Structure formats: C-alpha cells, structure tokens
Amino acid sequence: MDDHTDRAFTRTERLSRISTLLHAAPHGLSTAELARLCGVSQRTIQRDLVSLETLGIPVTESAGRIHTSTATV
C-alpha cells in the first residue's frame, strides 16, 4: 500500500470515529476534545466535520460544542 492509500484509510476511520464519538456525547464535544481523541489538529477536525456534512451526517455547533443528530424522518 502506498502512503496515499494509507492516509485515505486513516481518514475514513477517523470520520467514523468522529461520528461515533459525537453520537455518544449527548452534550457534544469541542473541536479541541475531538482533536485530542483522534490524535489530529483542530483544523483537521474542522475539515472532517465539513466532510461529514457532505456525506449527509448532520453536524451542528452550539456554544462551542459540536453535535450530531441521529433523528430520522
């Protein structure tokens, strides 16, 4: 496997982890907390949150806390 493939797989795992962490945190998490839990920078978390939204996972921010919703229609 080349470096590009390794990075993509790691990113995919991280997106899944972020989603799981947010679903498990009823009061949300800050980007600093997510960054620490995922071992990346806050800027990387910000980019990942945009990617999650693009994938259709609702991500919101309130009072510095990031939340996601599992509600279905």
PDB file of N, CA and C in Angstrom:
ATOM      1  N   MET A   1       0.835  -1.178   0.000  1.00  0.00           N
ATOM      2  CA  MET A   1       0.000   0.000   0.000  1.00  0.00           C
ATOM      3  C   MET A   1       0.881   1.243   0.000  1.00  0.00           C
ATOM      4  N   ASP A   2       0.536   2.226  -0.802  1.00  0.00           N
ATOM      5  CA  ASP A   2       1.322   3.453  -0.801  1.00  0.00           C
ATOM      6  C   ASP A   2       0.807   4.415   0.265  1.00  0.00           C
ATOM      7  N   ASP A   3       1.547   5.502   0.493  1.00  0.00           N
ATOM      8  CA  ASP A   3       1.187   6.458   1.538  1.00  0.00           C
ATOM      9  C   ASP A   3      -0.185   7.072   1.324  1.00  0.00           C
ATOM     10  N   HIS A   4      -0.538   7.350   0.069  1.00  0.00           N
ATOM     11  CA  HIS A   4      -1.831   7.974  -0.215  1.00  0.00           C
ATOM     12  C   HIS A   4      -2.968   7.056   0.235  1.00  0.00           C
ATOM     13  N   THR A   5      -2.883   5.787  -0.059  1.00  0.00           N
ATOM     14  CA  THR A   5      -3.926   4.844   0.338  1.00  0.00           C
ATOM     15  C   THR A   5      -4.004   4.737   1.853  1.00  0.00           C
ATOM     16  N   ASP A   6      -2.862   4.695   2.528  1.00  0.00           N
ATOM     17  CA  ASP A   6      -2.847   4.630   3.982  1.00  0.00           C
ATOM     18  C   ASP A   6      -3.536   5.848   4.591  1.00  0.00           C
ATOM     19  N   ARG A   7      -3.246   7.043   4.059  1.00  0.00           N
ATOM     20  CA  ARG A   7      -3.861   8.268   4.578  1.00  0.00           C
ATOM     21  C   ARG A   7      -5.372   8.241   4.372  1.00  0.00           C
ATOM     22  N   ALA A   8      -5.823   7.803   3.216  1.00  0.00           N
ATOM     23  CA  ALA A   8      -7.254   7.767   2.932  1.00  0.00           C
ATOM     24  C   ALA A   8      -7.966   6.816   3.892  1.00  0.00           C
ATOM     25  N   PHE A   9      -7.371   5.669   4.148  1.00  0.00           N
ATOM     26  CA  PHE A   9      -7.976   4.706   5.056  1.00  0.00           C
ATOM     27  C   PHE A   9      -8.020   5.280   6.473  1.00  0.00           C
ATOM     28  N   THR A  10      -6.951   5.912   6.884  1.00  0.00           N
ATOM     29  CA  THR A  10      -6.906   6.529   8.203  1.00  0.00           C
ATOM     30  C   THR A  10      -7.967   7.617   8.313  1.00  0.00           C
ATOM     31  N   ARG A  11      -8.149   8.391   7.280  1.00  0.00           N
ATOM     32  CA  ARG A  11      -9.158   9.453   7.294  1.00  0.00           C
ATOM     33  C   ARG A  11     -10.560   8.856   7.385  1.00  0.00           C
ATOM     34  N   THR A  12     -10.794   7.792   6.651  1.00  0.00           N
ATOM     35  CA  THR A  12     -12.097   7.130   6.699  1.00  0.00           C
ATOM     36  C   THR A  12     -12.379   6.609   8.106  1.00  0.00           C
ATOM     37  N   GLU A  13     -11.387   5.995   8.707  1.00  0.00           N
ATOM     38  CA  GLU A  13     -11.550   5.521  10.089  1.00  0.00           C
ATOM     39  C   GLU A  13     -11.817   6.688  11.035  1.00  0.00           C
ATOM     40  N   ARG A  14     -11.115   7.800  10.833  1.00  0.00           N
ATOM     41  CA  ARG A  14     -11.286   8.968  11.694  1.00  0.00           C
ATOM     42  C   ARG A  14     -12.694   9.556  11.542  1.00  0.00           C
ATOM     43  N   LEU A  15     -13.203   9.631  10.328  1.00  0.00           N
ATOM     44  CA  LEU A  15     -14.563  10.147  10.126  1.00  0.00           C
ATOM     45  C   LEU A  15     -15.577   9.276  10.858  1.00  0.00           C
ATOM     46  N   SER A  16     -15.387   7.976  10.787  1.00  0.00           N
ATOM     47  CA  SER A  16     -16.267   7.059  11.504  1.00  0.00           C
ATOM     48  C   SER A  16     -16.149   7.270  13.011  1.00  0.00           C
ATOM     49  N   ARG A  17     -14.917   7.435  13.482  1.00  0.00           N
ATOM     50  CA  ARG A  17     -14.692   7.648  14.918  1.00  0.00           C
ATOM     51  C   ARG A  17     -15.341   8.951  15.384  1.00  0.00           C
ATOM     52  N   ILE A  18     -15.191  10.010  14.617  1.00  0.00           N
ATOM     53  CA  ILE A  18     -15.797  11.295  14.986  1.00  0.00           C
ATOM     54  C   ILE A  18     -17.313  11.146  15.079  1.00  0.00           C
ATOM     55  N   SER A  19     -17.892  10.506  14.101  1.00  0.00           N
ATOM     56  CA  SER A  19     -19.341  10.293  14.108  1.00  0.00           C
ATOM     57  C   SER A  19     -19.768   9.505  15.344  1.00  0.00           C
ATOM     58  N   THR A  20     -19.047   8.448  15.649  1.00  0.00           N
ATOM     59  CA  THR A  20     -19.351   7.615  16.814  1.00  0.00           C
ATOM     60  C   THR A  20     -19.201   8.409  18.106  1.00  0.00           C
ATOM     61  N   LEU A  21     -18.120   9.172  18.222  1.00  0.00           N
ATOM     62  CA  LEU A  21     -17.899   9.986  19.424  1.00  0.00           C
ATOM     63  C   LEU A  21     -19.015  11.001  19.612  1.00  0.00           C
ATOM     64  N   LEU A  22     -19.426  11.652  18.538  1.00  0.00           N
ATOM     65  CA  LEU A  22     -20.480  12.657  18.643  1.00  0.00           C
ATOM     66  C   LEU A  22     -21.828  12.031  19.005  1.00  0.00           C
ATOM     67  N   HIS A  23     -22.115  10.874  18.448  1.00  0.00           N
ATOM     68  CA  HIS A  23     -23.377  10.189  18.783  1.00  0.00           C
ATOM     69  C   HIS A  23     -23.409   9.782  20.253  1.00  0.00           C
ATOM     70  N   ALA A  24     -22.240   9.492  20.816  1.00  0.00           N
ATOM     71  CA  ALA A  24     -22.154   9.030  22.206  1.00  0.00           C
ATOM     72  C   ALA A  24     -22.073  10.168  23.215  1.00  0.00           C
ATOM     73  N   ALA A  25     -21.959  11.405  22.739  1.00  0.00           N
ATOM     74  CA  ALA A  25     -21.792  12.557  23.635  1.00  0.00           C
ATOM     75  C   ALA A  25     -23.031  13.447  23.576  1.00  0.00           C
ATOM     76  N   PRO A  26     -23.986  13.237  24.475  1.00  0.00           N
ATOM     77  CA  PRO A  26     -25.235  13.996  24.411  1.00  0.00           C
ATOM     78  C   PRO A  26     -25.054  15.507  24.549  1.00  0.00           C
ATOM     79  N   HIS A  27     -23.981  15.944  25.187  1.00  0.00           N
ATOM     80  CA  HIS A  27     -23.736  17.379  25.342  1.00  0.00           C
ATOM     81  C   HIS A  27     -22.725  17.887  24.330  1.00  0.00           C
ATOM     82  N   GLY A  28     -22.363  17.045  23.376  1.00  0.00           N
ATOM     83  CA  GLY A  28     -21.437  17.432  22.327  1.00  0.00           C
ATOM     84  C   GLY A  28     -19.993  17.432  22.794  1.00  0.00           C
ATOM     85  N   LEU A  29     -19.106  17.701  21.865  1.00  0.00           N
ATOM     86  CA  LEU A  29     -17.673  17.774  22.133  1.00  0.00           C
ATOM     87  C   LEU A  29     -17.115  18.998  21.426  1.00  0.00           C
ATOM     88  N   SER A  30     -16.055  19.560  21.967  1.00  0.00           N
ATOM     89  CA  SER A  30     -15.405  20.684  21.305  1.00  0.00           C
ATOM     90  C   SER A  30     -14.455  20.149  20.233  1.00  0.00           C
ATOM     91  N   THR A  31     -14.038  21.020  19.328  1.00  0.00           N
ATOM     92  CA  THR A  31     -13.069  20.582  18.322  1.00  0.00           C
ATOM     93  C   THR A  31     -11.755  20.194  18.997  1.00  0.00           C
ATOM     94  N   ALA A  32     -11.405  20.859  20.091  1.00  0.00           N
ATOM     95  CA  ALA A  32     -10.179  20.504  20.827  1.00  0.00           C
ATOM     96  C   ALA A  32     -10.288  19.091  21.401  1.00  0.00           C
ATOM     97  N   GLU A  33     -11.448  18.752  21.949  1.00  0.00           N
ATOM     98  CA  GLU A  33     -11.645  17.404  22.502  1.00  0.00           C
ATOM     99  C   GLU A  33     -11.595  16.356  21.391  1.00  0.00           C
ATOM    100  N   LEU A  34     -12.274  16.640  20.273  1.00  0.00           N
ATOM    101  CA  LEU A  34     -12.245  15.703  19.153  1.00  0.00           C
ATOM    102  C   LEU A  34     -10.827  15.519  18.626  1.00  0.00           C
ATOM    103  N   ALA A  35     -10.086  16.616  18.521  1.00  0.00           N
ATOM    104  CA  ALA A  35      -8.708  16.550  18.032  1.00  0.00           C
ATOM    105  C   ALA A  35      -7.859  15.674  18.948  1.00  0.00           C
ATOM    106  N   ARG A  36      -8.001  15.858  20.244  1.00  0.00           N
ATOM    107  CA  ARG A  36      -7.236  15.058  21.203  1.00  0.00           C
ATOM    108  C   ARG A  36      -7.614  13.577  21.107  1.00  0.00           C
ATOM    109  N   LEU A  37      -8.900  13.306  21.025  1.00  0.00           N
ATOM    110  CA  LEU A  37      -9.369  11.918  20.958  1.00  0.00           C
ATOM    111  C   LEU A  37      -8.971  11.215  19.657  1.00  0.00           C
ATOM    112  N   CYS A  38      -8.790  11.990  18.599  1.00  0.00           N
ATOM    113  CA  CYS A  38      -8.444  11.416  17.296  1.00  0.00           C
ATOM    114  C   CYS A  38      -6.963  11.560  16.954  1.00  0.00           C
ATOM    115  N   GLY A  39      -6.219  12.289  17.766  1.00  0.00           N
ATOM    116  CA  GLY A  39      -4.788  12.436  17.532  1.00  0.00           C
ATOM    117  C   GLY A  39      -4.432  13.292  16.330  1.00  0.00           C
ATOM    118  N   VAL A  40      -5.254  14.305  16.061  1.00  0.00           N
ATOM    119  CA  VAL A  40      -5.007  15.221  14.938  1.00  0.00           C
ATOM    120  C   VAL A  40      -5.198  16.653  15.408  1.00  0.00           C
ATOM    121  N   SER A  41      -4.964  17.611  14.522  1.00  0.00           N
ATOM    122  CA  SER A  41      -5.137  19.023  14.864  1.00  0.00           C
ATOM    123  C   SER A  41      -6.614  19.422  14.817  1.00  0.00           C
ATOM    124  N   GLN A  42      -6.913  20.549  15.449  1.00  0.00           N
ATOM    125  CA  GLN A  42      -8.281  21.077  15.396  1.00  0.00           C
ATOM    126  C   GLN A  42      -8.668  21.432  13.971  1.00  0.00           C
ATOM    127  N   ARG A  43      -7.715  21.902  13.181  1.00  0.00           N
ATOM    128  CA  ARG A  43      -8.004  22.248  11.777  1.00  0.00           C
ATOM    129  C   ARG A  43      -8.417  20.997  11.007  1.00  0.00           C
ATOM    130  N   THR A  44      -7.748  19.875  11.272  1.00  0.00           N
ATOM    131  CA  THR A  44      -8.126  18.618  10.613  1.00  0.00           C
ATOM    132  C   THR A  44      -9.542  18.224  11.013  1.00  0.00           C
ATOM    133  N   ILE A  45      -9.885  18.396  12.279  1.00  0.00           N
ATOM    134  CA  ILE A  45     -11.248  18.093  12.740  1.00  0.00           C
ATOM    135  C   ILE A  45     -12.246  18.989  12.021  1.00  0.00           C
ATOM    136  N   GLN A  46     -11.930  20.269  11.869  1.00  0.00           N
ATOM    137  CA  GLN A  46     -12.839  21.176  11.163  1.00  0.00           C
ATOM    138  C   GLN A  46     -13.081  20.702   9.729  1.00  0.00           C
ATOM    139  N   ARG A  47     -12.021  20.280   9.052  1.00  0.00           N
ATOM    140  CA  ARG A  47     -12.183  19.763   7.681  1.00  0.00           C
ATOM    141  C   ARG A  47     -13.007  18.475   7.692  1.00  0.00           C
ATOM    142  N   ASP A  48     -12.764  17.626   8.687  1.00  0.00           N
ATOM    143  CA  ASP A  48     -13.506  16.369   8.779  1.00  0.00           C
ATOM    144  C   ASP A  48     -14.990  16.616   9.035  1.00  0.00           C
ATOM    145  N   LEU A  49     -15.310  17.620   9.821  1.00  0.00           N
ATOM    146  CA  LEU A  49     -16.718  17.934  10.084  1.00  0.00           C
ATOM    147  C   LEU A  49     -17.420  18.376   8.804  1.00  0.00           C
ATOM    148  N   VAL A  50     -16.736  19.131   7.974  1.00  0.00           N
ATOM    149  CA  VAL A  50     -17.295  19.525   6.672  1.00  0.00           C
ATOM    150  C   VAL A  50     -17.514  18.264   5.820  1.00  0.00           C
ATOM    151  N   SER A  51     -16.566  17.351   5.854  1.00  0.00           N
ATOM    152  CA  SER A  51     -16.708  16.104   5.087  1.00  0.00           C
ATOM    153  C   SER A  51     -17.906  15.296   5.573  1.00  0.00           C
ATOM    154  N   LEU A  52     -18.112  15.226   6.888  1.00  0.00           N
ATOM    155  CA  LEU A  52     -19.263  14.501   7.424  1.00  0.00           C
ATOM    156  C   LEU A  52     -20.568  15.123   6.939  1.00  0.00           C
ATOM    157  N   GLU A  53     -20.624  16.455   6.935  1.00  0.00           N
ATOM    158  CA  GLU A  53     -21.822  17.136   6.441  1.00  0.00           C
ATOM    159  C   GLU A  53     -22.052  16.821   4.969  1.00  0.00           C
ATOM    160  N   THR A  54     -20.981  16.792   4.189  1.00  0.00           N
ATOM    161  CA  THR A  54     -21.078  16.475   2.761  1.00  0.00           C
ATOM    162  C   THR A  54     -21.613  15.055   2.564  1.00  0.00           C
ATOM    163  N   LEU A  55     -21.267  14.171   3.481  1.00  0.00           N
ATOM    164  CA  LEU A  55     -21.736  12.785   3.418  1.00  0.00           C
ATOM    165  C   LEU A  55     -23.166  12.626   3.930  1.00  0.00           C
ATOM    166  N   GLY A  56     -23.775  13.737   4.379  1.00  0.00           N
ATOM    167  CA  GLY A  56     -25.166  13.693   4.827  1.00  0.00           C
ATOM    168  C   GLY A  56     -25.343  13.488   6.321  1.00  0.00           C
ATOM    169  N   ILE A  57     -24.264  13.577   7.084  1.00  0.00           N
ATOM    170  CA  ILE A  57     -24.367  13.451   8.533  1.00  0.00           C
ATOM    171  C   ILE A  57     -24.540  14.847   9.104  1.00  0.00           C
ATOM    172  N   PRO A  58     -25.686  15.110   9.751  1.00  0.00           N
ATOM    173  CA  PRO A  58     -25.949  16.456  10.257  1.00  0.00           C
ATOM    174  C   PRO A  58     -25.026  16.813  11.422  1.00  0.00           C
ATOM    175  N   VAL A  59     -24.260  17.873  11.261  1.00  0.00           N
ATOM    176  CA  VAL A  59     -23.331  18.340  12.285  1.00  0.00           C
ATOM    177  C   VAL A  59     -23.684  19.785  12.609  1.00  0.00           C
ATOM    178  N   THR A  60     -23.872  20.069  13.893  1.00  0.00           N
ATOM    179  CA  THR A  60     -24.182  21.431  14.312  1.00  0.00           C
ATOM    180  C   THR A  60     -23.235  21.853  15.423  1.00  0.00           C
ATOM    181  N   GLU A  61     -23.129  23.165  15.613  1.00  0.00           N
ATOM    182  CA  GLU A  61     -22.290  23.721  16.670  1.00  0.00           C
ATOM    183  C   GLU A  61     -23.137  24.657  17.501  1.00  0.00           C
ATOM    184  N   SER A  62     -23.027  24.527  18.803  1.00  0.00           N
ATOM    185  CA  SER A  62     -23.757  25.393  19.717  1.00  0.00           C
ATOM    186  C   SER A  62     -22.887  25.617  20.950  1.00  0.00           C
ATOM    187  N   ALA A  63     -22.633  26.866  21.255  1.00  0.00           N
ATOM    188  CA  ALA A  63     -21.832  27.233  22.426  1.00  0.00           C
ATOM    189  C   ALA A  63     -20.478  26.519  22.442  1.00  0.00           C
ATOM    190  N   GLY A  64     -19.856  26.411  21.262  1.00  0.00           N
ATOM    191  CA  GLY A  64     -18.536  25.809  21.174  1.00  0.00           C
ATOM    192  C   GLY A  64     -18.527  24.291  21.230  1.00  0.00           C
ATOM    193  N   ARG A  65     -19.705  23.681  21.210  1.00  0.00           N
ATOM    194  CA  ARG A  65     -19.826  22.216  21.280  1.00  0.00           C
ATOM    195  C   ARG A  65     -20.361  21.713  19.941  1.00  0.00           C
ATOM    196  N   ILE A  66     -19.779  20.648  19.448  1.00  0.00           N
ATOM    197  CA  ILE A  66     -20.204  20.040  18.189  1.00  0.00           C
ATOM    198  C   ILE A  66     -21.172  18.909  18.509  1.00  0.00           C
ATOM    199  N   HIS A  67     -22.267  18.861  17.759  1.00  0.00           N
ATOM    200  CA  HIS A  67     -23.308  17.846  17.970  1.00  0.00           C
ATOM    201  C   HIS A  67     -23.658  17.211  16.638  1.00  0.00           C
ATOM    202  N   THR A  68     -24.199  16.031  16.691  1.00  0.00           N
ATOM    203  CA  THR A  68     -24.787  15.405  15.507  1.00  0.00           C
ATOM    204  C   THR A  68     -26.114  14.801  15.934  1.00  0.00           C
ATOM    205  N   SER A  69     -26.970  14.599  14.971  1.00  0.00           N
ATOM    206  CA  SER A  69     -28.298  14.076  15.268  1.00  0.00           C
ATOM    207  C   SER A  69     -28.501  12.750  14.562  1.00  0.00           C
ATOM    208  N   THR A  70     -29.123  11.826  15.276  1.00  0.00           N
ATOM    209  CA  THR A  70     -29.452  10.547  14.666  1.00  0.00           C
ATOM    210  C   THR A  70     -30.937  10.473  14.348  1.00  0.00           C
ATOM    211  N   ALA A  71     -31.625  11.586  14.519  1.00  0.00           N
ATOM    212  CA  ALA A  71     -33.064  11.613  14.263  1.00  0.00           C
ATOM    213  C   ALA A  71     -33.353  11.334  12.803  1.00  0.00           C
ATOM    214  N   THR A  72     -34.380  10.548  12.557  1.00  0.00           N
ATOM    215  CA  THR A  72     -34.796  10.256  11.195  1.00  0.00           C
ATOM    216  C   THR A  72     -36.214  10.744  11.003  1.00  0.00           C
ATOM    217  N   VAL A  73     -36.572  10.980   9.757  1.00  0.00           N
ATOM    218  CA  VAL A  73     -37.908  11.494   9.436  1.00  0.00           C
ATOM    219  C   VAL A  73     -38.836  10.350   9.182  1.00  0.00           C
TER     220      VAL A  73
END
